[in-house]
Amino acid sequence: MASPYPFITDEQFELLQANGRLALAYQEQDEHFDPRPVVKLFTPDAGATWLLTEIDPEARTAFGLCDLGMGCPEIGYVDLCELSKVRGTMSLPIERDLHFRPTQRLSAYAREARAAGRIQA
């Protein structure tokens, strides 16, 4: 399926959806799902960063580590339609980090981000 979001490639979108289905399967088994992030998004002019691991196949919400640049990154859900509307101080849209290669699971990035007060990936 093609990605409806300009900041997520078709391949990433498919992987995010597959991870969303896996997360639901893990949840049904009462198990913890902790994948590596699929994509890193950021605002080039506002200091916000998102490491996304999955998309809910039904709702178009993404799950991952969210850092709005206020010193308290947290794991949670984000509406992708809302992200597509986000603009920073110079009205620039969200971009995908083309050089991001995940080296660890989301929980490890979250621990580091909480300790540092920001995502450092």
PDB file of N, CA and C in Angstrom:
ATOM      1  N   MET A   1       0.849  -1.190   0.000  1.00  0.00           N
ATOM      2  CA  MET A   1       0.000   0.000   0.000  1.00  0.00           C
ATOM      3  C   MET A   1       0.888   1.244   0.000  1.00  0.00           C
ATOM      4  N   ALA A   2       0.486   2.229  -0.759  1.00  0.00           N
ATOM      5  CA  ALA A   2       1.233   3.477  -0.845  1.00  0.00           C
ATOM      6  C   ALA A   2       1.013   4.320   0.413  1.00  0.00           C
ATOM      7  N   SER A   3       2.073   4.977   0.826  1.00  0.00           N
ATOM      8  CA  SER A   3       1.991   5.848   1.993  1.00  0.00           C
ATOM      9  C   SER A   3       1.231   7.121   1.643  1.00  0.00           C
ATOM     10  N   PRO A   4       0.226   7.472   2.440  1.00  0.00           N
ATOM     11  CA  PRO A   4      -0.485   8.720   2.201  1.00  0.00           C
ATOM     12  C   PRO A   4       0.239   9.937   2.814  1.00  0.00           C
ATOM     13  N   TYR A   5       1.402   9.702   3.408  1.00  0.00           N
ATOM     14  CA  TYR A   5       2.131  10.775   4.102  1.00  0.00           C
ATOM     15  C   TYR A   5       3.456  11.031   3.401  1.00  0.00           C
ATOM     16  N   PRO A   6       3.749  12.273   3.062  1.00  0.00           N
ATOM     17  CA  PRO A   6       4.970  12.572   2.312  1.00  0.00           C
ATOM     18  C   PRO A   6       6.254  12.315   3.110  1.00  0.00           C
ATOM     19  N   PHE A   7       6.155  12.223   4.409  1.00  0.00           N
ATOM     20  CA  PHE A   7       7.337  12.033   5.245  1.00  0.00           C
ATOM     21  C   PHE A   7       7.603  10.570   5.597  1.00  0.00           C
ATOM     22  N   ILE A   8       6.812   9.645   5.041  1.00  0.00           N
ATOM     23  CA  ILE A   8       7.005   8.208   5.254  1.00  0.00           C
ATOM     24  C   ILE A   8       6.995   7.537   3.887  1.00  0.00           C
ATOM     25  N   THR A   9       8.054   6.780   3.568  1.00  0.00           N
ATOM     26  CA  THR A   9       8.110   6.088   2.277  1.00  0.00           C
ATOM     27  C   THR A   9       7.102   4.943   2.258  1.00  0.00           C
ATOM     28  N   ASP A  10       6.810   4.462   1.066  1.00  0.00           N
ATOM     29  CA  ASP A  10       5.892   3.322   0.926  1.00  0.00           C
ATOM     30  C   ASP A  10       6.423   2.112   1.696  1.00  0.00           C
ATOM     31  N   GLU A  11       7.714   1.839   1.572  1.00  0.00           N
ATOM     32  CA  GLU A  11       8.320   0.699   2.271  1.00  0.00           C
ATOM     33  C   GLU A  11       8.200   0.857   3.791  1.00  0.00           C
ATOM     34  N   GLN A  12       8.478   2.055   4.293  1.00  0.00           N
ATOM     35  CA  GLN A  12       8.348   2.305   5.729  1.00  0.00           C
ATOM     36  C   GLN A  12       6.900   2.167   6.175  1.00  0.00           C
ATOM     37  N   PHE A  13       5.989   2.657   5.361  1.00  0.00           N
ATOM     38  CA  PHE A  13       4.574   2.574   5.701  1.00  0.00           C
ATOM     39  C   PHE A  13       4.137   1.122   5.837  1.00  0.00           C
ATOM     40  N   GLU A  14       4.560   0.285   4.902  1.00  0.00           N
ATOM     41  CA  GLU A  14       4.226  -1.136   4.970  1.00  0.00           C
ATOM     42  C   GLU A  14       4.816  -1.792   6.214  1.00  0.00           C
ATOM     43  N   LEU A  15       6.059  -1.452   6.536  1.00  0.00           N
ATOM     44  CA  LEU A  15       6.692  -2.018   7.730  1.00  0.00           C
ATOM     45  C   LEU A  15       6.010  -1.530   9.006  1.00  0.00           C
ATOM     46  N   LEU A  16       5.636  -0.251   9.045  1.00  0.00           N
ATOM     47  CA  LEU A  16       4.919   0.285  10.202  1.00  0.00           C
ATOM     48  C   LEU A  16       3.580  -0.423  10.381  1.00  0.00           C
ATOM     49  N   GLN A  17       2.884  -0.680   9.282  1.00  0.00           N
ATOM     50  CA  GLN A  17       1.611  -1.400   9.362  1.00  0.00           C
ATOM     51  C   GLN A  17       1.825  -2.843   9.823  1.00  0.00           C
ATOM     52  N   ALA A  18       2.855  -3.499   9.300  1.00  0.00           N
ATOM     53  CA  ALA A  18       3.156  -4.874   9.724  1.00  0.00           C
ATOM     54  C   ALA A  18       3.469  -4.904  11.216  1.00  0.00           C
ATOM     55  N   ASN A  19       4.233  -3.927  11.693  1.00  0.00           N
ATOM     56  CA  ASN A  19       4.528  -3.846  13.126  1.00  0.00           C
ATOM     57  C   ASN A  19       3.259  -3.592  13.932  1.00  0.00           C
ATOM     58  N   GLY A  20       2.341  -2.833  13.374  1.00  0.00           N
ATOM     59  CA  GLY A  20       1.060  -2.595  14.051  1.00  0.00           C
ATOM     60  C   GLY A  20       0.281  -3.880  14.226  1.00  0.00           C
ATOM     61  N   ARG A  21       0.273  -4.704  13.192  1.00  0.00           N
ATOM     62  CA  ARG A  21      -0.405  -6.000  13.289  1.00  0.00           C
ATOM     63  C   ARG A  21       0.295  -6.905  14.304  1.00  0.00           C
ATOM     64  N   LEU A  22       1.629  -6.886  14.296  1.00  0.00           N
ATOM     65  CA  LEU A  22       2.382  -7.682  15.275  1.00  0.00           C
ATOM     66  C   LEU A  22       2.103  -7.210  16.700  1.00  0.00           C
ATOM     67  N   ALA A  23       2.035  -5.904  16.887  1.00  0.00           N
ATOM     68  CA  ALA A  23       1.764  -5.364  18.222  1.00  0.00           C
ATOM     69  C   ALA A  23       0.419  -5.849  18.740  1.00  0.00           C
ATOM     70  N   LEU A  24      -0.590  -5.880  17.855  1.00  0.00           N
ATOM     71  CA  LEU A  24      -1.906  -6.385  18.247  1.00  0.00           C
ATOM     72  C   LEU A  24      -1.835  -7.868  18.620  1.00  0.00           C
ATOM     73  N   ALA A  25      -1.075  -8.642  17.857  1.00  0.00           N
ATOM     74  CA  ALA A  25      -0.921 -10.074  18.153  1.00  0.00           C
ATOM     75  C   ALA A  25      -0.217 -10.275  19.496  1.00  0.00           C
ATOM     76  N   TYR A  26       0.810  -9.490  19.753  1.00  0.00           N
ATOM     77  CA  TYR A  26       1.506  -9.568  21.042  1.00  0.00           C
ATOM     78  C   TYR A  26       0.556  -9.212  22.174  1.00  0.00           C
ATOM     79  N   GLN A  27      -0.228  -8.153  21.965  1.00  0.00           N
ATOM     80  CA  GLN A  27      -1.179  -7.708  22.988  1.00  0.00           C
ATOM     81  C   GLN A  27      -2.197  -8.801  23.292  1.00  0.00           C
ATOM     82  N   GLU A  28      -2.661  -9.496  22.282  1.00  0.00           N
ATOM     83  CA  GLU A  28      -3.614 -10.587  22.489  1.00  0.00           C
ATOM     84  C   GLU A  28      -3.006 -11.717  23.318  1.00  0.00           C
ATOM     85  N   GLN A  29      -1.693 -11.880  23.213  1.00  0.00           N
ATOM     86  CA  GLN A  29      -0.990 -12.917  23.978  1.00  0.00           C
ATOM     87  C   GLN A  29      -0.479 -12.378  25.313  1.00  0.00           C
ATOM     88  N   ASP A  30      -0.811 -11.106  25.608  1.00  0.00           N
ATOM     89  CA  ASP A  30      -0.359 -10.432  26.832  1.00  0.00           C
ATOM     90  C   ASP A  30       1.171 -10.405  26.927  1.00  0.00           C
ATOM     91  N   GLU A  31       1.803 -10.131  25.779  1.00  0.00           N
ATOM     92  CA  GLU A  31       3.257 -10.044  25.698  1.00  0.00           C
ATOM     93  C   GLU A  31       3.657  -8.628  25.299  1.00  0.00           C
ATOM     94  N   HIS A  32       4.904  -8.278  25.626  1.00  0.00           N
ATOM     95  CA  HIS A  32       5.441  -6.947  25.336  1.00  0.00           C
ATOM     96  C   HIS A  32       6.099  -6.935  23.954  1.00  0.00           C
ATOM     97  N   PHE A  33       5.770  -5.966  23.131  1.00  0.00           N
ATOM     98  CA  PHE A  33       6.337  -5.798  21.793  1.00  0.00           C
ATOM     99  C   PHE A  33       7.269  -4.599  21.827  1.00  0.00           C
ATOM    100  N   ASP A  34       8.545  -4.794  21.523  1.00  0.00           N
ATOM    101  CA  ASP A  34       9.545  -3.729  21.609  1.00  0.00           C
ATOM    102  C   ASP A  34      10.440  -3.754  20.373  1.00  0.00           C
ATOM    103  N   PRO A  35       9.923  -3.313  19.226  1.00  0.00           N
ATOM    104  CA  PRO A  35      10.712  -3.344  17.992  1.00  0.00           C
ATOM    105  C   PRO A  35      11.681  -2.167  17.897  1.00  0.00           C
ATOM    106  N   ARG A  36      12.508  -2.221  16.890  1.00  0.00           N
ATOM    107  CA  ARG A  36      13.362  -1.072  16.550  1.00  0.00           C
ATOM    108  C   ARG A  36      12.492  -0.040  15.822  1.00  0.00           C
ATOM    109  N   PRO A  37      12.800   1.231  15.959  1.00  0.00           N
ATOM    110  CA  PRO A  37      12.055   2.242  15.191  1.00  0.00           C
ATOM    111  C   PRO A  37      12.216   2.006  13.695  1.00  0.00           C
ATOM    112  N   VAL A  38      11.199   2.377  12.954  1.00  0.00           N
ATOM    113  CA  VAL A  38      11.207   2.244  11.497  1.00  0.00           C
ATOM    114  C   VAL A  38      11.635   3.556  10.850  1.00  0.00           C
ATOM    115  N   VAL A  39      11.199   4.658  11.429  1.00  0.00           N
ATOM    116  CA  VAL A  39      11.455   5.965  10.819  1.00  0.00           C
ATOM    117  C   VAL A  39      11.680   7.009  11.916  1.00  0.00           C
ATOM    118  N   LYS A  40      12.556   7.954  11.601  1.00  0.00           N
ATOM    119  CA  LYS A  40      12.786   9.113  12.479  1.00  0.00           C
ATOM    120  C   LYS A  40      12.300  10.347  11.723  1.00  0.00           C
ATOM    121  N   LEU A  41      11.378  11.063  12.348  1.00  0.00           N
ATOM    122  CA  LEU A  41      10.849  12.306  11.790  1.00  0.00           C
ATOM    123  C   LEU A  41      11.290  13.460  12.667  1.00  0.00           C
ATOM    124  N   PHE A  42      11.384  14.647  12.084  1.00  0.00           N
ATOM    125  CA  PHE A  42      11.780  15.818  12.874  1.00  0.00           C
ATOM    126  C   PHE A  42      11.272  17.097  12.222  1.00  0.00           C
ATOM    127  N   THR A  43      11.196  18.130  13.032  1.00  0.00           N
ATOM    128  CA  THR A  43      10.879  19.463  12.511  1.00  0.00           C
ATOM    129  C   THR A  43      12.217  20.182  12.340  1.00  0.00           C
ATOM    130  N   PRO A  44      12.548  20.585  11.124  1.00  0.00           N
ATOM    131  CA  PRO A  44      13.847  21.231  10.914  1.00  0.00           C
ATOM    132  C   PRO A  44      13.961  22.597  11.574  1.00  0.00           C
ATOM    133  N   ASP A  45      12.847  23.162  11.978  1.00  0.00           N
ATOM    134  CA  ASP A  45      12.877  24.506  12.556  1.00  0.00           C
ATOM    135  C   ASP A  45      12.154  24.605  13.900  1.00  0.00           C
ATOM    136  N   ALA A  46      12.016  23.470  14.613  1.00  0.00           N
ATOM    137  CA  ALA A  46      11.302  23.561  15.891  1.00  0.00           C
ATOM    138  C   ALA A  46      11.815  22.607  16.974  1.00  0.00           C
ATOM    139  N   GLY A  47      12.723  21.712  16.687  1.00  0.00           N
ATOM    140  CA  GLY A  47      13.301  20.859  17.724  1.00  0.00           C
ATOM    141  C   GLY A  47      12.455  19.672  18.152  1.00  0.00           C
ATOM    142  N   ALA A  48      11.447  19.296  17.398  1.00  0.00           N
ATOM    143  CA  ALA A  48      10.634  18.128  17.731  1.00  0.00           C
ATOM    144  C   ALA A  48      11.129  16.924  16.935  1.00  0.00           C
ATOM    145  N   THR A  49      11.043  15.740  17.568  1.00  0.00           N
ATOM    146  CA  THR A  49      11.518  14.500  16.939  1.00  0.00           C
ATOM    147  C   THR A  49      10.587  13.360  17.304  1.00  0.00           C
ATOM    148  N   TRP A  50      10.381  12.452  16.352  1.00  0.00           N
ATOM    149  CA  TRP A  50       9.563  11.263  16.589  1.00  0.00           C
ATOM    150  C   TRP A  50      10.306  10.042  16.058  1.00  0.00           C
ATOM    151  N   LEU A  51      10.391   8.977  16.850  1.00  0.00           N
ATOM    152  CA  LEU A  51      10.894   7.677  16.406  1.00  0.00           C
ATOM    153  C   LEU A  51       9.688   6.750  16.383  1.00  0.00           C
ATOM    154  N   LEU A  52       9.218   6.399  15.210  1.00  0.00           N
ATOM    155  CA  LEU A  52       7.989   5.623  15.089  1.00  0.00           C
ATOM    156  C   LEU A  52       8.286   4.155  14.822  1.00  0.00           C
ATOM    157  N   THR A  53       7.530   3.277  15.505  1.00  0.00           N
ATOM    158  CA  THR A  53       7.724   1.841  15.360  1.00  0.00           C
ATOM    159  C   THR A  53       6.571   1.153  14.649  1.00  0.00           C
ATOM    160  N   GLU A  54       5.378   1.721  14.733  1.00  0.00           N
ATOM    161  CA  GLU A  54       4.214   1.021  14.180  1.00  0.00           C
ATOM    162  C   GLU A  54       3.063   1.983  13.922  1.00  0.00           C
ATOM    163  N   ILE A  55       2.156   1.508  13.076  1.00  0.00           N
ATOM    164  CA  ILE A  55       0.918   2.230  12.797  1.00  0.00           C
ATOM    165  C   ILE A  55      -0.228   1.286  13.105  1.00  0.00           C
ATOM    166  N   ASP A  56      -1.215   1.793  13.809  1.00  0.00           N
ATOM    167  CA  ASP A  56      -2.429   1.020  14.051  1.00  0.00           C
ATOM    168  C   ASP A  56      -3.086   0.801  12.695  1.00  0.00           C
ATOM    169  N   PRO A  57      -3.241  -0.456  12.273  1.00  0.00           N
ATOM    170  CA  PRO A  57      -3.781  -0.714  10.939  1.00  0.00           C
ATOM    171  C   PRO A  57      -5.195  -0.162  10.721  1.00  0.00           C
ATOM    172  N   GLU A  58      -5.921   0.088  11.780  1.00  0.00           N
ATOM    173  CA  GLU A  58      -7.303   0.560  11.658  1.00  0.00           C
ATOM    174  C   GLU A  58      -7.445   2.078  11.780  1.00  0.00           C
ATOM    175  N   ALA A  59      -6.581   2.718  12.565  1.00  0.00           N
ATOM    176  CA  ALA A  59      -6.862   4.094  12.963  1.00  0.00           C
ATOM    177  C   ALA A  59      -5.926   5.162  12.408  1.00  0.00           C
ATOM    178  N   ARG A  60      -4.854   4.793  11.751  1.00  0.00           N
ATOM    179  CA  ARG A  60      -3.880   5.762  11.228  1.00  0.00           C
ATOM    180  C   ARG A  60      -3.191   6.575  12.323  1.00  0.00           C
ATOM    181  N   THR A  61      -3.101   5.991  13.493  1.00  0.00           N
ATOM    182  CA  THR A  61      -2.275   6.593  14.529  1.00  0.00           C
ATOM    183  C   THR A  61      -0.984   5.800  14.588  1.00  0.00           C
ATOM    184  N   ALA A  62       0.089   6.490  14.857  1.00  0.00           N
ATOM    185  CA  ALA A  62       1.397   5.851  14.960  1.00  0.00           C
ATOM    186  C   ALA A  62       1.795   5.765  16.424  1.00  0.00           C
ATOM    187  N   PHE A  63       2.701   4.848  16.710  1.00  0.00           N
ATOM    188  CA  PHE A  63       3.201   4.650  18.064  1.00  0.00           C
ATOM    189  C   PHE A  63       4.714   4.786  18.019  1.00  0.00           C
ATOM    190  N   GLY A  64       5.265   5.419  19.042  1.00  0.00           N
ATOM    191  CA  GLY A  64       6.709   5.544  19.115  1.00  0.00           C
ATOM    192  C   GLY A  64       7.129   6.491  20.220  1.00  0.00           C
ATOM    193  N   LEU A  65       8.363   6.923  20.128  1.00  0.00           N
ATOM    194  CA  LEU A  65       8.945   7.859  21.084  1.00  0.00           C
ATOM    195  C   LEU A  65       8.766   9.264  20.522  1.00  0.00           C
ATOM    196  N   CYS A  66       8.123  10.120  21.291  1.00  0.00           N
ATOM    197  CA  CYS A  66       7.777  11.475  20.851  1.00  0.00           C
ATOM    198  C   CYS A  66       8.504  12.498  21.718  1.00  0.00           C
ATOM    199  N   ASP A  67       9.161  13.438  21.066  1.00  0.00           N
ATOM    200  CA  ASP A  67       9.900  14.483  21.763  1.00  0.00           C
ATOM    201  C   ASP A  67       9.534  15.824  21.133  1.00  0.00           C
ATOM    202  N   LEU A  68       8.778  16.615  21.869  1.00  0.00           N
ATOM    203  CA  LEU A  68       8.347  17.912  21.344  1.00  0.00           C
ATOM    204  C   LEU A  68       9.334  19.028  21.643  1.00  0.00           C
ATOM    205  N   GLY A  69      10.523  18.648  22.125  1.00  0.00           N
ATOM    206  CA  GLY A  69      11.564  19.634  22.380  1.00  0.00           C
ATOM    207  C   GLY A  69      11.382  20.395  23.680  1.00  0.00           C
ATOM    208  N   MET A  70      10.633  19.825  24.621  1.00  0.00           N
ATOM    209  CA  MET A  70      10.356  20.495  25.886  1.00  0.00           C
ATOM    210  C   MET A  70      11.033  19.791  27.067  1.00  0.00           C
ATOM    211  N   GLY A  71      11.958  18.856  26.778  1.00  0.00           N
ATOM    212  CA  GLY A  71      12.715  18.214  27.833  1.00  0.00           C
ATOM    213  C   GLY A  71      12.087  16.981  28.455  1.00  0.00           C
ATOM    214  N   CYS A  72      10.984  16.501  27.888  1.00  0.00           N
ATOM    215  CA  CYS A  72      10.330  15.317  28.476  1.00  0.00           C
ATOM    216  C   CYS A  72       9.816  14.381  27.386  1.00  0.00           C
ATOM    217  N   PRO A  73      10.718  13.690  26.686  1.00  0.00           N
ATOM    218  CA  PRO A  73      10.286  12.740  25.665  1.00  0.00           C
ATOM    219  C   PRO A  73       9.485  11.603  26.283  1.00  0.00           C
ATOM    220  N   GLU A  74       8.491  11.113  25.541  1.00  0.00           N
ATOM    221  CA  GLU A  74       7.659  10.043  26.081  1.00  0.00           C
ATOM    222  C   GLU A  74       7.207   9.104  24.976  1.00  0.00           C
ATOM    223  N   ILE A  75       6.934   7.879  25.363  1.00  0.00           N
ATOM    224  CA  ILE A  75       6.406   6.888  24.437  1.00  0.00           C
ATOM    225  C   ILE A  75       4.891   7.057  24.391  1.00  0.00           C
ATOM    226  N   GLY A  76       4.339   7.045  23.179  1.00  0.00           N
ATOM    227  CA  GLY A  76       2.896   7.189  23.062  1.00  0.00           C
ATOM    228  C   GLY A  76       2.444   7.191  21.618  1.00  0.00           C
ATOM    229  N   TYR A  77       1.210   7.596  21.424  1.00  0.00           N
ATOM    230  CA  TYR A  77       0.567   7.604  20.113  1.00  0.00           C
ATOM    231  C   TYR A  77       0.540   9.012  19.543  1.00  0.00           C
ATOM    232  N   VAL A  78       0.590   9.089  18.227  1.00  0.00           N
ATOM    233  CA  VAL A  78       0.515  10.369  17.538  1.00  0.00           C
ATOM    234  C   VAL A  78      -0.348  10.185  16.289  1.00  0.00           C
ATOM    235  N   ASP A  79      -1.199  11.149  16.031  1.00  0.00           N
ATOM    236  CA  ASP A  79      -2.067  11.133  14.859  1.00  0.00           C
ATOM    237  C   ASP A  79      -1.252  11.592  13.649  1.00  0.00           C
ATOM    238  N   LEU A  80      -1.145  10.734  12.640  1.00  0.00           N
ATOM    239  CA  LEU A  80      -0.331  11.061  11.470  1.00  0.00           C
ATOM    240  C   LEU A  80      -0.911  12.217  10.657  1.00  0.00           C
ATOM    241  N   CYS A  81      -2.217  12.354  10.640  1.00  0.00           N
ATOM    242  CA  CYS A  81      -2.826  13.504   9.949  1.00  0.00           C
ATOM    243  C   CYS A  81      -2.436  14.806  10.634  1.00  0.00           C
ATOM    244  N   GLU A  82      -2.398  14.782  11.958  1.00  0.00           N
ATOM    245  CA  GLU A  82      -1.967  15.967  12.706  1.00  0.00           C
ATOM    246  C   GLU A  82      -0.491  16.271  12.430  1.00  0.00           C
ATOM    247  N   LEU A  83       0.336  15.222  12.368  1.00  0.00           N
ATOM    248  CA  LEU A  83       1.757  15.441  12.071  1.00  0.00           C
ATOM    249  C   LEU A  83       1.945  16.100  10.720  1.00  0.00           C
ATOM    250  N   SER A  84       1.124  15.729   9.760  1.00  0.00           N
ATOM    251  CA  SER A  84       1.270  16.310   8.427  1.00  0.00           C
ATOM    252  C   SER A  84       0.960  17.809   8.417  1.00  0.00           C
ATOM    253  N   LYS A  85       0.290  18.283   9.448  1.00  0.00           N
ATOM    254  CA  LYS A  85      -0.044  19.708   9.551  1.00  0.00           C
ATOM    255  C   LYS A  85       0.954  20.511  10.388  1.00  0.00           C
ATOM    256  N   VAL A  86       1.824  19.818  11.120  1.00  0.00           N
ATOM    257  CA  VAL A  86       2.769  20.490  12.020  1.00  0.00           C
ATOM    258  C   VAL A  86       3.755  21.327  11.216  1.00  0.00           C
ATOM    259  N   ARG A  87       3.996  22.532  11.698  1.00  0.00           N
ATOM    260  CA  ARG A  87       4.985  23.427  11.108  1.00  0.00           C
ATOM    261  C   ARG A  87       5.759  24.073  12.250  1.00  0.00           C
ATOM    262  N   GLY A  88       7.030  24.344  11.983  1.00  0.00           N
ATOM    263  CA  GLY A  88       7.869  25.016  12.973  1.00  0.00           C
ATOM    264  C   GLY A  88       7.809  26.519  12.815  1.00  0.00           C
ATOM    265  N   THR A  89       8.778  27.193  13.392  1.00  0.00           N
ATOM    266  CA  THR A  89       8.790  28.655  13.411  1.00  0.00           C
ATOM    267  C   THR A  89       8.927  29.280  12.025  1.00  0.00           C
ATOM    268  N   MET A  90       9.521  28.535  11.082  1.00  0.00           N
ATOM    269  CA  MET A  90       9.680  29.051   9.720  1.00  0.00           C
ATOM    270  C   MET A  90       8.669  28.408   8.764  1.00  0.00           C
ATOM    271  N   SER A  91       7.634  27.758   9.332  1.00  0.00           N
ATOM    272  CA  SER A  91       6.566  27.100   8.571  1.00  0.00           C
ATOM    273  C   SER A  91       7.043  25.935   7.707  1.00  0.00           C
ATOM    274  N   LEU A  92       8.152  25.318   8.118  1.00  0.00           N
ATOM    275  CA  LEU A  92       8.658  24.157   7.383  1.00  0.00           C
ATOM    276  C   LEU A  92       7.935  22.894   7.846  1.00  0.00           C
ATOM    277  N   PRO A  93       7.615  21.987   6.931  1.00  0.00           N
ATOM    278  CA  PRO A  93       6.939  20.743   7.309  1.00  0.00           C
ATOM    279  C   PRO A  93       7.906  19.740   7.934  1.00  0.00           C
ATOM    280  N   ILE A  94       7.351  18.708   8.520  1.00  0.00           N
ATOM    281  CA  ILE A  94       8.135  17.619   9.091  1.00  0.00           C
ATOM    282  C   ILE A  94       8.928  16.937   7.991  1.00  0.00           C
ATOM    283  N   GLU A  95      10.144  16.510   8.360  1.00  0.00           N
ATOM    284  CA  GLU A  95      10.993  15.788   7.423  1.00  0.00           C
ATOM    285  C   GLU A  95      11.367  14.428   7.998  1.00  0.00           C
ATOM    286  N   ARG A  96      11.756  13.532   7.125  1.00  0.00           N
ATOM    287  CA  ARG A  96      12.261  12.224   7.504  1.00  0.00           C
ATOM    288  C   ARG A  96      13.782  12.304   7.530  1.00  0.00           C
ATOM    289  N   ASP A  97      14.402  11.765   8.574  1.00  0.00           N
ATOM    290  CA  ASP A  97      15.856  11.703   8.657  1.00  0.00           C
ATOM    291  C   ASP A  97      16.331  10.617   7.693  1.00  0.00           C
ATOM    292  N   LEU A  98      16.931  11.017   6.613  1.00  0.00           N
ATOM    293  CA  LEU A  98      17.350  10.084   5.570  1.00  0.00           C
ATOM    294  C   LEU A  98      18.527   9.210   6.001  1.00  0.00           C
ATOM    295  N   HIS A  99      19.226   9.621   7.042  1.00  0.00           N
ATOM    296  CA  HIS A  99      20.420   8.899   7.481  1.00  0.00           C
ATOM    297  C   HIS A  99      20.186   8.047   8.720  1.00  0.00           C
ATOM    298  N   PHE A 100      18.977   8.054   9.250  1.00  0.00           N
ATOM    299  CA  PHE A 100      18.682   7.291  10.469  1.00  0.00           C
ATOM    300  C   PHE A 100      18.709   5.795  10.191  1.00  0.00           C
ATOM    301  N   ARG A 101      19.488   5.089  10.986  1.00  0.00           N
ATOM    302  CA  ARG A 101      19.539   3.626  10.965  1.00  0.00           C
ATOM    303  C   ARG A 101      19.397   3.167  12.401  1.00  0.00           C
ATOM    304  N   PRO A 102      18.283   2.549  12.754  1.00  0.00           N
ATOM    305  CA  PRO A 102      18.082   2.150  14.161  1.00  0.00           C
ATOM    306  C   PRO A 102      19.107   1.109  14.597  1.00  0.00           C
ATOM    307  N   THR A 103      19.641   1.315  15.778  1.00  0.00           N
ATOM    308  CA  THR A 103      20.646   0.393  16.318  1.00  0.00           C
ATOM    309  C   THR A 103      20.151  -0.331  17.560  1.00  0.00           C
ATOM    310  N   GLN A 104      18.991   0.064  18.060  1.00  0.00           N
ATOM    311  CA  GLN A 104      18.461  -0.551  19.281  1.00  0.00           C
ATOM    312  C   GLN A 104      16.947  -0.504  19.283  1.00  0.00           C
ATOM    313  N   ARG A 105      16.372  -1.150  20.241  1.00  0.00           N
ATOM    314  CA  ARG A 105      14.913  -1.206  20.373  1.00  0.00           C
ATOM    315  C   ARG A 105      14.381   0.112  20.936  1.00  0.00           C
ATOM    316  N   LEU A 106      13.093   0.348  20.755  1.00  0.00           N
ATOM    317  CA  LEU A 106      12.470   1.596  21.188  1.00  0.00           C
ATOM    318  C   LEU A 106      12.688   1.865  22.666  1.00  0.00           C
ATOM    319  N   SER A 107      12.578   0.836  23.498  1.00  0.00           N
ATOM    320  CA  SER A 107      12.742   1.032  24.944  1.00  0.00           C
ATOM    321  C   SER A 107      14.125   1.582  25.292  1.00  0.00           C
ATOM    322  N   ALA A 108      15.156   1.168  24.565  1.00  0.00           N
ATOM    323  CA  ALA A 108      16.510   1.671  24.826  1.00  0.00           C
ATOM    324  C   ALA A 108      16.620   3.145  24.423  1.00  0.00           C
ATOM    325  N   TYR A 109      16.051   3.496  23.277  1.00  0.00           N
ATOM    326  CA  TYR A 109      16.039   4.906  22.881  1.00  0.00           C
ATOM    327  C   TYR A 109      15.278   5.740  23.913  1.00  0.00           C
ATOM    328  N   ALA A 110      14.183   5.204  24.432  1.00  0.00           N
ATOM    329  CA  ALA A 110      13.382   5.935  25.423  1.00  0.00           C
ATOM    330  C   ALA A 110      14.176   6.167  26.706  1.00  0.00           C
ATOM    331  N   ARG A 111      14.880   5.145  27.172  1.00  0.00           N
ATOM    332  CA  ARG A 111      15.703   5.310  28.390  1.00  0.00           C
ATOM    333  C   ARG A 111      16.745   6.412  28.201  1.00  0.00           C
ATOM    334  N   GLU A 112      17.435   6.360  27.071  1.00  0.00           N
ATOM    335  CA  GLU A 112      18.458   7.372  26.793  1.00  0.00           C
ATOM    336  C   GLU A 112      17.850   8.767  26.670  1.00  0.00           C
ATOM    337  N   ALA A 113      16.716   8.858  26.006  1.00  0.00           N
ATOM    338  CA  ALA A 113      16.066  10.156  25.803  1.00  0.00           C
ATOM    339  C   ALA A 113      15.592  10.752  27.125  1.00  0.00           C
ATOM    340  N   ARG A 114      15.036   9.921  27.986  1.00  0.00           N
ATOM    341  CA  ARG A 114      14.586  10.427  29.289  1.00  0.00           C
ATOM    342  C   ARG A 114      15.757  10.914  30.123  1.00  0.00           C
ATOM    343  N   ALA A 115      16.865  10.207  30.066  1.00  0.00           N
ATOM    344  CA  ALA A 115      18.048  10.610  30.829  1.00  0.00           C
ATOM    345  C   ALA A 115      18.633  11.916  30.303  1.00  0.00           C
ATOM    346  N   ALA A 116      18.601  12.094  28.970  1.00  0.00           N
ATOM    347  CA  ALA A 116      19.180  13.279  28.345  1.00  0.00           C
ATOM    348  C   ALA A 116      18.186  14.433  28.209  1.00  0.00           C
ATOM    349  N   GLY A 117      16.887  14.144  28.340  1.00  0.00           N
ATOM    350  CA  GLY A 117      15.867  15.176  28.157  1.00  0.00           C
ATOM    351  C   GLY A 117      15.524  15.419  26.705  1.00  0.00           C
ATOM    352  N   ARG A 118      16.032  14.551  25.813  1.00  0.00           N
ATOM    353  CA  ARG A 118      15.725  14.682  24.391  1.00  0.00           C
ATOM    354  C   ARG A 118      16.160  13.410  23.664  1.00  0.00           C
ATOM    355  N   ILE A 119      15.589  13.179  22.505  1.00  0.00           N
ATOM    356  CA  ILE A 119      15.987  12.046  21.680  1.00  0.00           C
ATOM    357  C   ILE A 119      17.359  12.336  21.107  1.00  0.00           C
ATOM    358  N   GLN A 120      18.249  11.362  21.237  1.00  0.00           N
ATOM    359  CA  GLN A 120      19.618  11.549  20.748  1.00  0.00           C
ATOM    360  C   GLN A 120      19.960  10.616  19.593  1.00  0.00           C
ATOM    361  N   ALA A 121      18.990  10.077  18.932  1.00  0.00           N
ATOM    362  CA  ALA A 121      19.242   9.134  17.828  1.00  0.00           C
ATOM    363  C   ALA A 121      19.648   9.860  16.577  1.00  0.00           C
TER     364      ALA A 121
END
